[in-house]
Amino acid sequence: MSRSSARGATEPLAALMAVFAVSAGLALYAGVLDDALATTGGERDVAAPTADAVERRLTTAGVVDPARIDGALAAVPTGYEANVTLRAERRWSVGPAPPADAASDYRTVSVALGPATVRRGTLRVRVWR
């Protein structure tokens, strides 16, 4: 039996190249993942989750009740101010006037305008510090 067939060996240069390739791939993956998860200015997007919470607070059986809009600001995170506006043939709003740079999110909702009267409307939530 020859000595070369009894043992497996790897060239040191090939092993170093393999380690380098794996390390470079991991570093590239981590960089791309960090960029994908990063938000601008170190601030998290607070408008979309706040709009979700406001919609849940105003909705019963999939229909928004405008009479409940006064309680919408209870869904705003601590340390933030918000303005909630609901429009469907009429306009309902609660909260102070938002600044121009306020984060904003809106969604289309079903709005109860009276007994057996439901119309499409827009719920807009603006949030700022």
Protein backbone atom coordinates (compact mmCIF):
# COMPACT_ATOMS: atom_id res chain seq x y z
CA MET A 1 0.00 0.00 0.00
CA SER A 2 1.43 3.36 -0.94
CA ARG A 3 1.74 6.14 1.54
CA SER A 4 -0.46 8.61 -0.45
CA SER A 5 -3.48 6.27 -0.62
CA ALA A 6 -3.50 5.55 3.13
CA ARG A 7 -3.96 9.13 4.32
CA GLY A 8 -5.93 12.13 3.15
CA ALA A 9 -4.10 15.42 3.06
CA THR A 10 -5.03 18.94 2.14
CA GLU A 11 -2.67 21.54 0.85
CA PRO A 12 -2.32 24.40 3.38
CA LEU A 13 -2.98 27.03 0.72
CA ALA A 14 -6.24 25.36 -0.33
CA ALA A 15 -7.41 25.15 3.30
CA LEU A 16 -6.60 28.84 3.86
CA MET A 17 -8.50 29.79 0.69
CA ALA A 18 -11.54 27.80 1.86
CA VAL A 19 -11.50 29.50 5.27
CA PHE A 20 -11.16 32.89 3.56
CA ALA A 21 -14.09 32.19 1.21
CA VAL A 22 -16.38 31.11 4.07
CA SER A 23 -15.36 34.13 6.20
CA ALA A 24 -15.93 36.56 3.31
CA GLY A 25 -19.35 35.03 2.62
CA LEU A 26 -20.41 35.36 6.26
CA ALA A 27 -19.20 38.97 6.43
CA LEU A 28 -21.08 39.86 3.25
CA TYR A 29 -24.25 38.15 4.51
CA ALA A 30 -24.04 39.97 7.87
CA GLY A 31 -23.58 43.33 6.12
CA VAL A 32 -26.54 42.82 3.80
CA LEU A 33 -28.72 41.62 6.68
CA ASP A 34 -27.77 44.65 8.79
CA ASP A 35 -28.65 47.02 5.93
CA ALA A 36 -31.97 45.28 5.37
CA LEU A 37 -32.99 45.51 9.02
CA ALA A 38 -31.70 49.03 9.66
CA THR A 39 -34.09 51.99 9.88
CA THR A 40 -33.23 55.58 9.10
CA GLY A 41 -31.78 57.70 11.85
CA GLY A 42 -31.80 54.90 14.38
CA GLU A 43 -35.55 55.43 14.89
CA ARG A 44 -37.97 52.58 14.55
CA ASP A 45 -41.02 52.92 12.33
CA VAL A 46 -43.74 53.69 14.83
CA ALA A 47 -46.54 54.84 12.48
CA ALA A 48 -47.53 51.43 11.06
CA PRO A 49 -47.73 49.55 14.40
CA THR A 50 -49.58 52.50 15.95
CA ALA A 51 -52.05 52.52 13.06
CA ASP A 52 -52.61 48.78 13.60
CA ALA A 53 -53.28 49.35 17.31
CA VAL A 54 -55.62 52.28 16.61
CA GLU A 55 -57.55 50.26 14.02
CA ARG A 56 -57.97 47.37 16.49
CA ARG A 57 -59.21 49.81 19.14
CA LEU A 58 -61.81 51.37 16.80
CA THR A 59 -62.99 48.19 15.07
CA THR A 60 -65.80 45.87 16.07
CA ALA A 61 -66.61 42.91 13.79
CA GLY A 62 -64.46 44.40 11.02
CA VAL A 63 -66.21 47.80 10.98
CA VAL A 64 -64.79 51.02 12.43
CA ASP A 65 -67.14 52.91 14.76
CA PRO A 66 -66.51 56.69 14.54
CA ALA A 67 -67.99 57.14 18.03
CA ARG A 68 -64.95 55.33 19.45
CA ILE A 69 -62.38 57.71 17.92
CA ASP A 70 -61.92 59.63 21.19
CA GLY A 71 -60.27 56.52 22.69
CA ALA A 72 -57.88 56.10 19.77
CA LEU A 73 -55.04 58.03 21.39
CA ALA A 74 -54.81 55.40 24.14
CA ALA A 75 -53.11 53.17 21.55
CA VAL A 76 -50.25 55.64 21.00
CA PRO A 77 -46.89 54.52 22.48
CA THR A 78 -45.56 56.34 25.53
CA GLY A 79 -43.42 59.33 24.62
CA TYR A 80 -45.18 59.97 21.30
CA GLU A 81 -47.98 62.28 20.21
CA ALA A 82 -50.45 61.41 17.48
CA ASN A 83 -53.27 62.64 15.33
CA VAL A 84 -55.92 60.17 14.15
CA THR A 85 -58.21 61.11 11.27
CA LEU A 86 -61.08 59.04 9.92
CA ARG A 87 -62.83 59.98 6.66
CA ALA A 88 -65.94 58.43 5.15
CA GLU A 89 -68.47 60.92 3.78
CA ARG A 90 -67.59 62.90 6.93
CA ARG A 91 -64.38 63.59 8.80
CA TRP A 92 -63.55 62.73 12.41
CA SER A 93 -60.25 63.71 14.00
CA VAL A 94 -58.62 63.53 17.42
CA GLY A 95 -55.24 64.79 18.66
CA PRO A 96 -53.15 67.89 18.08
CA ALA A 97 -52.21 69.15 14.63
CA PRO A 98 -49.22 67.12 13.39
CA PRO A 99 -45.93 68.69 12.31
CA ALA A 100 -44.86 68.40 8.69
CA ASP A 101 -42.24 65.72 9.45
CA ALA A 102 -44.58 63.40 11.40
CA ALA A 103 -44.47 59.71 10.48
CA SER A 104 -47.71 58.74 8.76
CA ASP A 105 -49.62 55.60 7.88
CA TYR A 106 -53.07 55.10 6.44
CA ARG A 107 -55.36 52.25 5.55
CA THR A 108 -58.72 51.69 3.94
CA VAL A 109 -61.40 50.62 6.43
CA SER A 110 -65.14 49.98 6.56
CA VAL A 111 -66.91 52.71 8.55
CA ALA A 112 -70.33 52.45 10.21
CA LEU A 113 -72.23 55.65 9.40
CA GLY A 114 -75.51 54.51 10.92
CA PRO A 115 -77.70 51.45 11.38
CA ALA A 116 -77.06 49.13 8.40
CA THR A 117 -75.00 51.86 6.68
CA VAL A 118 -71.36 50.99 6.09
CA ARG A 119 -69.11 52.90 3.72
CA ARG A 120 -65.48 52.67 2.69
CA GLY A 121 -63.25 55.14 4.48
CA THR A 122 -59.66 56.04 5.26
CA LEU A 123 -57.99 55.87 8.66
CA ARG A 124 -54.86 58.02 8.83
CA VAL A 125 -52.51 58.01 11.81
CA ARG A 126 -49.67 60.54 12.20
CA VAL A 127 -47.13 60.00 14.97
CA TRP A 128 -44.26 62.18 16.21
CA ARG A 129 -42.15 62.91 19.30
